[in-house]
Amino acid sequence: MGEVLQIFADTLKDLAVTSGFASLNWQSCVMILISFVFMYLAIAKKFEPLLLLPIAFGMLLTNLPLTAMYTPDLYADPTNIDFGKILHEGGLLDILYLGVKLQIFPPLIFLGIGTMTDFAPLISNPKSFLLGAAAQAGIFITFIGAAMLGFSEAEAASIAIIGGADGPTAIFVSSKLLGGDATISTGTIALAAYTYMALVPIIQPPIMKALTTKKERLIVMETLRPVGQTEKIIFPIAVTIIIALLIPSAAPLVGMLMLGNLLKESGVCDRLVKTAQNELMNIITIFLGVSVGATTTADKIITPEFAKVIVLGVIAFSIGTAAGLLFGKIMCKVTGGKVNPLIGSAGVSAVPMAARVSQKVGAQENPTNFLLMHAMGPNVAGVIGSAVAAGVLLSIVK
């Protein structure tokens, strides 16, 4: 009987020593609590839940001790990754993260976005391209500011792209540039990017009202001209050729975005469009969110650098909004008051939320003013603009 009790006691002791509970430390506990906070924001507050919830759960999984689902050391050097070792020795999240590191998931998200995007407002009013381009100023100004604060070029570029308010683009850039020796991670960047995308209706209105006059906000714009199917088909092909030749680094994102749009506008690929919009988009969203969340380890979050990322992210987004508005004011002057500057704030890439904010702020001044379709032009231009900005950053930072 004594031997049985001893064996039972030894078994319990071994279980206690080898369990995750024995390896829990305060950093892991803090990260688990942070993951709960983001789950709450996704579920209760509906802050970008489709991606924030998988990211938060990925954060939970990676910070539970001894699960061996994600091994940061396997991705320490972004220029020399041993993919064979990852496949043989890596955990589940290591293998899923290959889809991010190999630049597969973000372009596929863009494919789905393309099938859901209507470029007609942009085609109808090509001047919207200028507003979308102006709103990318926040990215490049923040890139310089982050570098001045001591971040490396790769880190500064990853932080700056948050200003585009485009989650997949932010993940695309950061996963390509950041290695294990970086003070921040792709998960850090994704959390900041999706948080600010969810906060667009809170961040933008005060900036919009501060930089425009009541008279400007009351401007009623002319109805957009109808756009034919031929124009809609030529547009994605032309944009792909032009951008791929000018900035080859932007081709994966822009190319897949335009392929999705061409499938939609061609009218002959309904099955492919439905798949890209639904099954493919949903599967990739889950894989992307969980694997990106796995990179949010304590050494990347519980640091002063993470606080700087949060601050710089909102600065980048605010500057982008302000730049779009200011360029909208210039266009208002040049056109003799035919352009409502409020649509310039939609030049960031948060589709269609930023366009809805332009409509809402304009309607507060004049309930009969319908700015939504006019704002969609700069908004979809911002999607293209953020992808181009990503390509420029990738070309600059080697």
Protein backbone atom coordinates (compact mmCIF):
# COMPACT_ATOMS: atom_id res chain seq x y z
CA MET A 1 0.00 0.00 0.00
CA GLY A 2 2.87 2.34 0.84
CA GLU A 3 4.47 1.75 -2.56
CA VAL A 4 1.20 2.56 -4.33
CA LEU A 5 0.84 5.78 -2.41
CA GLN A 6 4.45 6.70 -3.17
CA ILE A 7 3.94 6.05 -6.89
CA PHE A 8 0.76 8.13 -6.81
CA ALA A 9 2.56 10.97 -5.01
CA ASP A 10 5.47 10.86 -7.47
CA THR A 11 3.03 10.96 -10.38
CA LEU A 12 1.29 14.01 -8.97
CA LYS A 13 4.67 15.66 -8.37
CA ASP A 14 5.77 14.98 -11.97
CA LEU A 15 2.49 16.38 -13.30
CA ALA A 16 2.90 19.50 -11.19
CA VAL A 17 6.50 20.04 -12.30
CA THR A 18 5.83 19.45 -15.99
CA SER A 19 2.51 21.34 -16.18
CA GLY A 20 2.11 24.81 -17.53
CA PHE A 21 1.11 26.07 -14.10
CA ALA A 22 4.66 25.50 -12.84
CA SER A 23 6.05 27.64 -15.67
CA LEU A 24 3.63 30.54 -15.35
CA ASN A 25 5.33 33.86 -14.62
CA TRP A 26 3.99 37.36 -14.17
CA GLN A 27 4.71 38.30 -17.78
CA SER A 28 2.61 35.38 -19.06
CA CYS A 29 -0.22 36.29 -16.70
CA VAL A 30 -0.18 39.91 -17.87
CA MET A 31 -0.26 38.85 -21.54
CA ILE A 32 -3.16 36.48 -20.88
CA LEU A 33 -5.07 39.31 -19.22
CA ILE A 34 -4.31 41.60 -22.18
CA SER A 35 -5.67 38.93 -24.52
CA PHE A 36 -8.88 38.92 -22.45
CA VAL A 37 -9.12 42.70 -22.87
CA PHE A 38 -8.89 42.43 -26.66
CA MET A 39 -11.43 39.59 -26.68
CA TYR A 40 -13.77 41.84 -24.73
CA LEU A 41 -13.27 44.69 -27.19
CA ALA A 42 -13.93 42.37 -30.12
CA ILE A 43 -17.02 40.68 -28.64
CA ALA A 44 -18.66 43.34 -26.48
CA LYS A 45 -17.59 46.50 -28.32
CA LYS A 46 -17.37 44.94 -31.81
CA PHE A 47 -13.93 46.49 -32.51
CA GLU A 48 -12.98 44.82 -35.83
CA PRO A 49 -14.11 41.44 -34.40
CA LEU A 50 -13.40 39.34 -37.49
CA LEU A 51 -9.66 39.82 -37.04
CA LEU A 52 -9.25 41.18 -33.52
CA LEU A 53 -10.85 38.09 -31.93
CA PRO A 54 -8.56 35.57 -33.72
CA ILE A 55 -5.56 37.81 -32.95
CA ALA A 56 -6.52 37.94 -29.26
CA PHE A 57 -6.93 34.17 -29.11
CA GLY A 58 -3.59 33.69 -30.86
CA MET A 59 -2.09 35.93 -28.16
CA LEU A 60 -3.63 33.70 -25.51
CA LEU A 61 -2.28 30.50 -27.09
CA THR A 62 1.27 31.77 -27.53
CA ASN A 63 1.52 33.00 -23.94
CA LEU A 64 0.33 29.76 -22.33
CA PRO A 65 3.57 28.07 -21.12
CA LEU A 66 4.90 24.87 -22.73
CA THR A 67 2.31 24.72 -25.53
CA ALA A 68 5.15 24.94 -28.11
CA MET A 69 2.70 26.24 -30.71
CA TYR A 70 4.87 29.20 -31.74
CA THR A 71 8.67 29.40 -31.60
CA PRO A 72 9.99 32.95 -32.21
CA ASP A 73 13.58 31.71 -32.64
CA LEU A 74 12.59 29.99 -35.90
CA TYR A 75 11.84 33.42 -37.38
CA ALA A 76 14.71 35.34 -35.75
CA ASP A 77 16.40 36.24 -39.04
CA PRO A 78 13.84 37.29 -41.68
CA THR A 79 16.45 37.01 -44.45
CA ASN A 80 17.50 33.44 -43.59
CA ILE A 81 14.52 31.38 -42.43
CA ASP A 82 14.94 27.59 -42.34
CA PHE A 83 11.55 26.57 -43.70
CA GLY A 84 12.38 22.87 -43.54
CA LYS A 85 13.14 23.14 -39.82
CA ILE A 86 9.85 24.95 -39.25
CA LEU A 87 7.89 22.21 -41.03
CA HIS A 88 9.64 19.44 -39.06
CA GLU A 89 10.03 21.06 -35.64
CA GLY A 90 7.55 23.94 -35.56
CA GLY A 91 4.20 23.97 -33.80
CA LEU A 92 0.80 24.60 -35.35
CA LEU A 93 1.09 28.39 -35.22
CA ASP A 94 4.65 28.27 -36.60
CA ILE A 95 3.33 26.51 -39.69
CA LEU A 96 0.33 28.83 -40.05
CA TYR A 97 2.62 31.85 -39.69
CA LEU A 98 4.45 30.72 -42.83
CA GLY A 99 1.43 32.04 -44.73
CA VAL A 100 2.18 35.48 -43.30
CA LYS A 101 5.97 35.32 -43.60
CA LEU A 102 5.80 34.08 -47.20
CA GLN A 103 3.46 36.97 -48.07
CA ILE A 104 0.53 34.68 -48.91
CA PHE A 105 -2.30 35.63 -46.55
CA PRO A 106 -2.38 39.46 -46.93
CA PRO A 107 -2.57 39.39 -50.76
CA LEU A 108 -5.35 36.79 -50.57
CA ILE A 109 -7.24 39.11 -48.21
CA PHE A 110 -6.80 41.82 -50.86
CA LEU A 111 -8.25 39.41 -53.44
CA GLY A 112 -11.41 39.15 -51.36
CA ILE A 113 -11.50 42.91 -50.79
CA GLY A 114 -11.25 43.43 -54.54
CA THR A 115 -14.37 41.34 -55.15
CA MET A 116 -16.28 43.54 -52.70
CA THR A 117 -15.00 46.92 -53.91
CA ASP A 118 -16.76 49.22 -56.35
CA PHE A 119 -14.28 51.50 -58.10
CA ALA A 120 -17.03 53.38 -59.96
CA PRO A 121 -16.87 56.50 -57.70
CA LEU A 122 -13.11 56.67 -58.29
CA ILE A 123 -13.42 56.13 -62.05
CA SER A 124 -16.19 58.72 -62.22
CA ASN A 125 -14.08 61.29 -60.38
CA PRO A 126 -10.36 60.59 -61.03
CA LYS A 127 -9.39 63.62 -58.90
CA SER A 128 -10.14 61.36 -55.94
CA PHE A 129 -6.80 59.69 -56.59
CA LEU A 130 -5.10 62.87 -55.40
CA LEU A 131 -7.01 62.82 -52.11
CA GLY A 132 -6.13 59.16 -51.57
CA ALA A 133 -2.48 59.94 -52.28
CA ALA A 134 -2.44 62.96 -49.98
CA ALA A 135 -3.75 60.89 -47.07
CA GLN A 136 -0.65 58.69 -47.27
CA ALA A 137 1.45 61.61 -46.00
CA GLY A 138 0.94 60.31 -42.48
CA ILE A 139 2.86 57.16 -43.38
CA PHE A 140 5.99 58.90 -44.61
CA ILE A 141 6.04 61.63 -41.95
CA THR A 142 5.72 58.98 -39.23
CA PHE A 143 8.45 56.90 -40.88
CA ILE A 144 10.85 59.81 -40.45
CA GLY A 145 9.63 60.50 -36.91
CA ALA A 146 9.98 56.88 -35.80
CA ALA A 147 13.50 56.72 -37.19
CA MET A 148 14.39 59.88 -35.27
CA LEU A 149 13.10 58.25 -32.07
CA GLY A 150 15.65 55.47 -32.41
CA PHE A 151 13.71 52.75 -34.20
CA SER A 152 15.52 50.88 -36.98
CA GLU A 153 14.46 51.48 -40.58
CA ALA A 154 12.51 48.21 -40.63
CA GLU A 155 10.74 49.04 -37.38
CA ALA A 156 10.03 52.63 -38.46
CA ALA A 157 8.51 51.44 -41.75
CA SER A 158 6.36 48.87 -39.93
CA ILE A 159 5.08 51.52 -37.51
CA ALA A 160 4.50 54.11 -40.22
CA ILE A 161 2.28 51.87 -42.33
CA ILE A 162 -0.29 51.93 -39.50
CA GLY A 163 -1.14 55.42 -40.81
CA GLY A 164 -2.73 53.84 -43.87
CA ALA A 165 -5.44 52.30 -41.64
CA ASP A 166 -5.14 49.06 -43.58
CA GLY A 167 -4.59 45.93 -41.49
CA PRO A 168 -3.51 43.47 -44.23
CA THR A 169 -1.04 46.02 -45.63
CA ALA A 170 0.42 46.64 -42.17
CA ILE A 171 0.83 42.88 -41.67
CA PHE A 172 2.33 42.50 -45.16
CA VAL A 173 5.03 45.12 -44.52
CA SER A 174 5.87 44.23 -40.92
CA SER A 175 6.05 40.46 -41.52
CA LYS A 176 8.50 41.05 -44.35
CA LEU A 177 10.74 43.46 -42.47
CA LEU A 178 10.68 42.44 -38.80
CA GLY A 179 12.86 39.67 -37.40
CA GLY A 180 13.26 38.16 -33.98
CA ASP A 181 15.79 40.82 -32.96
CA ALA A 182 13.27 43.64 -33.51
CA THR A 183 11.83 45.39 -30.46
CA ILE A 184 8.32 45.08 -31.92
CA SER A 185 6.47 42.31 -33.75
CA THR A 186 3.94 41.86 -36.53
CA GLY A 187 1.33 41.23 -33.84
CA THR A 188 2.15 44.56 -32.22
CA ILE A 189 1.64 46.36 -35.51
CA ALA A 190 -1.57 44.45 -36.29
CA LEU A 191 -3.08 45.22 -32.89
CA ALA A 192 -2.38 48.93 -33.31
CA ALA A 193 -3.64 48.99 -36.91
CA TYR A 194 -6.94 47.23 -36.22
CA THR A 195 -7.52 49.19 -33.02
CA TYR A 196 -7.27 52.49 -34.90
CA MET A 197 -9.40 51.17 -37.75
CA ALA A 198 -12.12 50.43 -35.21
CA LEU A 199 -11.71 53.90 -33.70
CA VAL A 200 -12.08 55.78 -37.01
CA PRO A 201 -15.53 57.19 -36.02
CA ILE A 202 -13.98 58.55 -32.80
CA ILE A 203 -10.62 59.84 -34.04
CA GLN A 204 -11.61 61.48 -37.32
CA PRO A 205 -14.61 63.80 -36.56
CA PRO A 206 -12.72 66.19 -34.21
CA ILE A 207 -9.92 66.56 -36.79
CA MET A 208 -12.46 67.11 -39.58
CA LYS A 209 -14.31 69.82 -37.69
CA ALA A 210 -11.09 71.52 -36.59
CA LEU A 211 -9.68 71.80 -40.12
CA THR A 212 -12.82 72.77 -42.05
CA THR A 213 -15.23 75.67 -41.80
CA LYS A 214 -19.00 75.36 -41.52
CA LYS A 215 -19.31 76.85 -45.00
CA GLU A 216 -17.02 74.15 -46.42
CA ARG A 217 -18.88 71.36 -44.63
CA LEU A 218 -22.15 72.61 -46.15
CA ILE A 219 -20.92 72.23 -49.77
CA VAL A 220 -23.17 69.99 -51.85
CA MET A 221 -21.29 68.17 -54.61
CA GLU A 222 -22.63 67.39 -58.07
CA THR A 223 -23.95 63.92 -58.80
CA LEU A 224 -21.29 61.55 -60.13
CA ARG A 225 -21.57 60.46 -63.76
CA PRO A 226 -22.56 56.84 -64.51
CA VAL A 227 -19.67 54.46 -65.21
CA GLY A 228 -19.97 51.80 -67.92
CA GLN A 229 -18.91 48.16 -67.61
CA THR A 230 -16.12 48.60 -70.15
CA GLU A 231 -14.50 51.26 -67.97
CA LYS A 232 -14.86 49.03 -64.91
CA ILE A 233 -13.11 46.16 -66.71
CA ILE A 234 -10.27 48.27 -68.13
CA PHE A 235 -9.57 50.02 -64.80
CA PRO A 236 -8.15 47.07 -62.78
CA ILE A 237 -6.04 45.91 -65.71
CA ALA A 238 -4.60 49.39 -66.32
CA VAL A 239 -3.91 50.04 -62.62
CA THR A 240 -2.11 46.70 -62.27
CA ILE A 241 0.16 47.39 -65.24
CA ILE A 242 0.99 50.95 -64.24
CA ILE A 243 1.70 50.27 -60.54
CA ALA A 244 3.55 46.99 -61.15
CA LEU A 245 5.87 48.78 -63.59
CA LEU A 246 6.38 51.83 -61.36
CA ILE A 247 6.66 50.06 -57.99
CA PRO A 248 7.16 46.30 -58.40
CA SER A 249 7.16 45.77 -54.60
CA ALA A 250 3.48 46.80 -54.51
CA ALA A 251 2.46 44.27 -57.19
CA PRO A 252 1.40 41.43 -54.83
CA LEU A 253 -1.14 43.58 -52.99
CA VAL A 254 -2.36 45.73 -55.88
CA GLY A 255 -2.35 42.81 -58.32
CA MET A 256 -4.55 40.61 -56.13
CA LEU A 257 -6.84 43.55 -55.29
CA MET A 258 -7.35 44.25 -58.99
CA LEU A 259 -7.76 40.58 -59.86
CA GLY A 260 -10.60 40.35 -57.36
CA ASN A 261 -12.20 43.46 -58.81
CA LEU A 262 -11.82 42.19 -62.38
CA LEU A 263 -13.49 38.90 -61.43
CA LYS A 264 -16.39 40.91 -60.01
CA GLU A 265 -16.77 43.40 -62.85
CA SER A 266 -16.34 40.85 -65.66
CA GLY A 267 -19.72 39.34 -64.78
CA VAL A 268 -18.63 35.86 -65.86
CA CYS A 269 -16.98 34.54 -62.68
CA ASP A 270 -19.79 34.48 -60.14
CA ARG A 271 -18.60 31.24 -58.50
CA LEU A 272 -15.07 32.56 -58.07
CA VAL A 273 -16.35 35.87 -56.73
CA LYS A 274 -18.55 34.15 -54.15
CA THR A 275 -15.66 31.91 -53.08
CA ALA A 276 -13.26 34.84 -52.71
CA GLN A 277 -15.85 36.88 -50.81
CA ASN A 278 -16.89 34.12 -48.44
CA GLU A 279 -15.10 30.78 -47.98
CA LEU A 280 -11.57 31.89 -48.97
CA MET A 281 -11.80 35.23 -47.16
CA ASN A 282 -13.10 33.61 -43.97
CA ILE A 283 -10.49 30.84 -43.90
CA ILE A 284 -7.60 33.23 -44.51
CA THR A 285 -8.93 35.67 -41.92
CA ILE A 286 -8.88 32.96 -39.24
CA PHE A 287 -5.38 31.75 -40.16
CA LEU A 288 -4.02 35.27 -40.48
CA GLY A 289 -5.47 36.48 -37.19
CA VAL A 290 -4.40 33.52 -35.04
CA SER A 291 -0.88 33.32 -36.48
CA VAL A 292 -0.28 37.08 -36.20
CA GLY A 293 -1.60 37.01 -32.64
CA ALA A 294 0.99 34.35 -31.86
CA THR A 295 3.79 36.90 -32.35
CA THR A 296 2.52 39.05 -29.46
CA THR A 297 4.79 37.67 -26.78
CA ALA A 298 5.59 39.47 -23.52
CA ASP A 299 9.00 40.70 -24.72
CA LYS A 300 7.23 42.55 -27.58
CA ILE A 301 4.27 43.97 -25.63
CA ILE A 302 5.38 44.74 -22.07
CA THR A 303 7.96 47.26 -23.26
CA PRO A 304 8.26 51.04 -23.71
CA GLU A 305 8.49 50.42 -27.46
CA PHE A 306 4.92 49.10 -27.56
CA ALA A 307 3.69 52.33 -25.94
CA LYS A 308 5.60 54.28 -28.58
CA VAL A 309 3.98 52.21 -31.33
CA ILE A 310 0.51 53.02 -29.98
CA VAL A 311 1.31 56.75 -29.84
CA LEU A 312 3.03 56.85 -33.24
CA GLY A 313 0.18 54.86 -34.78
CA VAL A 314 -2.47 57.39 -33.79
CA ILE A 315 -0.16 60.22 -34.90
CA ALA A 316 0.28 58.56 -38.30
CA PHE A 317 -3.44 58.06 -38.71
CA SER A 318 -4.25 61.60 -37.58
CA ILE A 319 -1.69 63.14 -39.94
CA GLY A 320 -3.08 61.08 -42.82
CA THR A 321 -6.61 62.29 -42.05
CA ALA A 322 -5.43 65.90 -41.76
CA ALA A 323 -3.41 65.71 -45.00
CA GLY A 324 -6.46 64.44 -46.90
CA LEU A 325 -8.60 67.22 -45.46
CA LEU A 326 -6.07 69.94 -46.25
CA PHE A 327 -5.69 68.72 -49.82
CA GLY A 328 -9.49 68.64 -50.02
CA LYS A 329 -9.50 72.34 -49.02
CA ILE A 330 -7.02 73.07 -51.81
CA MET A 331 -9.24 71.25 -54.32
CA CYS A 332 -12.22 73.19 -52.98
CA LYS A 333 -10.44 76.48 -53.74
CA VAL A 334 -9.19 75.36 -57.15
CA THR A 335 -12.62 74.13 -58.28
CA GLY A 336 -14.42 77.22 -57.03
CA GLY A 337 -16.15 75.50 -54.13
CA LYS A 338 -17.30 72.36 -55.95
CA VAL A 339 -15.44 69.90 -53.68
CA ASN A 340 -16.45 69.36 -50.06
CA PRO A 341 -13.13 69.00 -48.14
CA LEU A 342 -14.73 66.46 -45.81
CA ILE A 343 -14.30 63.73 -48.42
CA GLY A 344 -10.52 64.16 -48.11
CA SER A 345 -10.58 62.47 -44.70
CA ALA A 346 -11.77 59.29 -46.45
CA GLY A 347 -8.41 59.06 -48.21
CA VAL A 348 -7.21 56.66 -45.52
CA SER A 349 -7.79 53.01 -46.30
CA ALA A 350 -10.49 52.11 -43.76
CA VAL A 351 -13.17 51.06 -46.27
CA PRO A 352 -16.04 51.89 -46.04
CA MET A 353 -15.92 53.26 -42.49
CA ALA A 354 -13.97 56.42 -43.34
CA ALA A 355 -16.41 57.26 -46.15
CA ARG A 356 -19.32 56.80 -43.74
CA VAL A 357 -17.69 59.19 -41.28
CA SER A 358 -17.43 61.83 -44.05
CA GLN A 359 -21.12 61.32 -44.77
CA LYS A 360 -22.04 61.54 -41.08
CA VAL A 361 -20.10 64.75 -40.39
CA GLY A 362 -21.48 66.37 -43.54
CA ALA A 363 -25.04 65.35 -42.66
CA GLN A 364 -24.69 66.96 -39.23
CA GLU A 365 -24.40 70.33 -40.99
CA ASN A 366 -26.86 69.59 -43.79
CA PRO A 367 -29.07 66.49 -43.40
CA THR A 368 -29.90 66.55 -47.13
CA ASN A 369 -26.23 66.45 -48.20
CA PHE A 370 -25.23 63.01 -49.51
CA LEU A 371 -21.43 62.72 -49.51
CA LEU A 372 -21.07 58.94 -49.20
CA MET A 373 -20.52 58.11 -52.87
CA HIS A 374 -18.21 61.10 -53.31
CA ALA A 375 -16.19 59.96 -50.27
CA MET A 376 -15.95 56.40 -51.59
CA GLY A 377 -13.71 57.67 -54.40
CA PRO A 378 -10.90 58.82 -52.08
CA ASN A 379 -11.61 55.84 -49.81
CA VAL A 380 -10.91 53.17 -52.45
CA ALA A 381 -8.06 55.33 -53.75
CA GLY A 382 -6.66 55.09 -50.23
CA VAL A 383 -6.67 51.29 -50.48
CA ILE A 384 -4.54 51.52 -53.61
CA GLY A 385 -2.47 54.33 -52.09
CA SER A 386 -1.62 52.37 -48.92
CA ALA A 387 -0.53 49.39 -51.03
CA VAL A 388 1.67 51.69 -53.12
CA ALA A 389 3.08 53.27 -49.95
CA ALA A 390 3.87 49.78 -48.68
CA GLY A 391 5.74 49.05 -51.91
CA VAL A 392 7.71 52.29 -51.59
CA LEU A 393 8.69 51.46 -47.98
CA LEU A 394 9.76 47.96 -48.97
CA SER A 395 11.88 49.45 -51.76
CA ILE A 396 13.52 51.91 -49.36
CA VAL A 397 14.18 49.47 -46.52
CA LYS A 398 16.31 46.52 -47.55
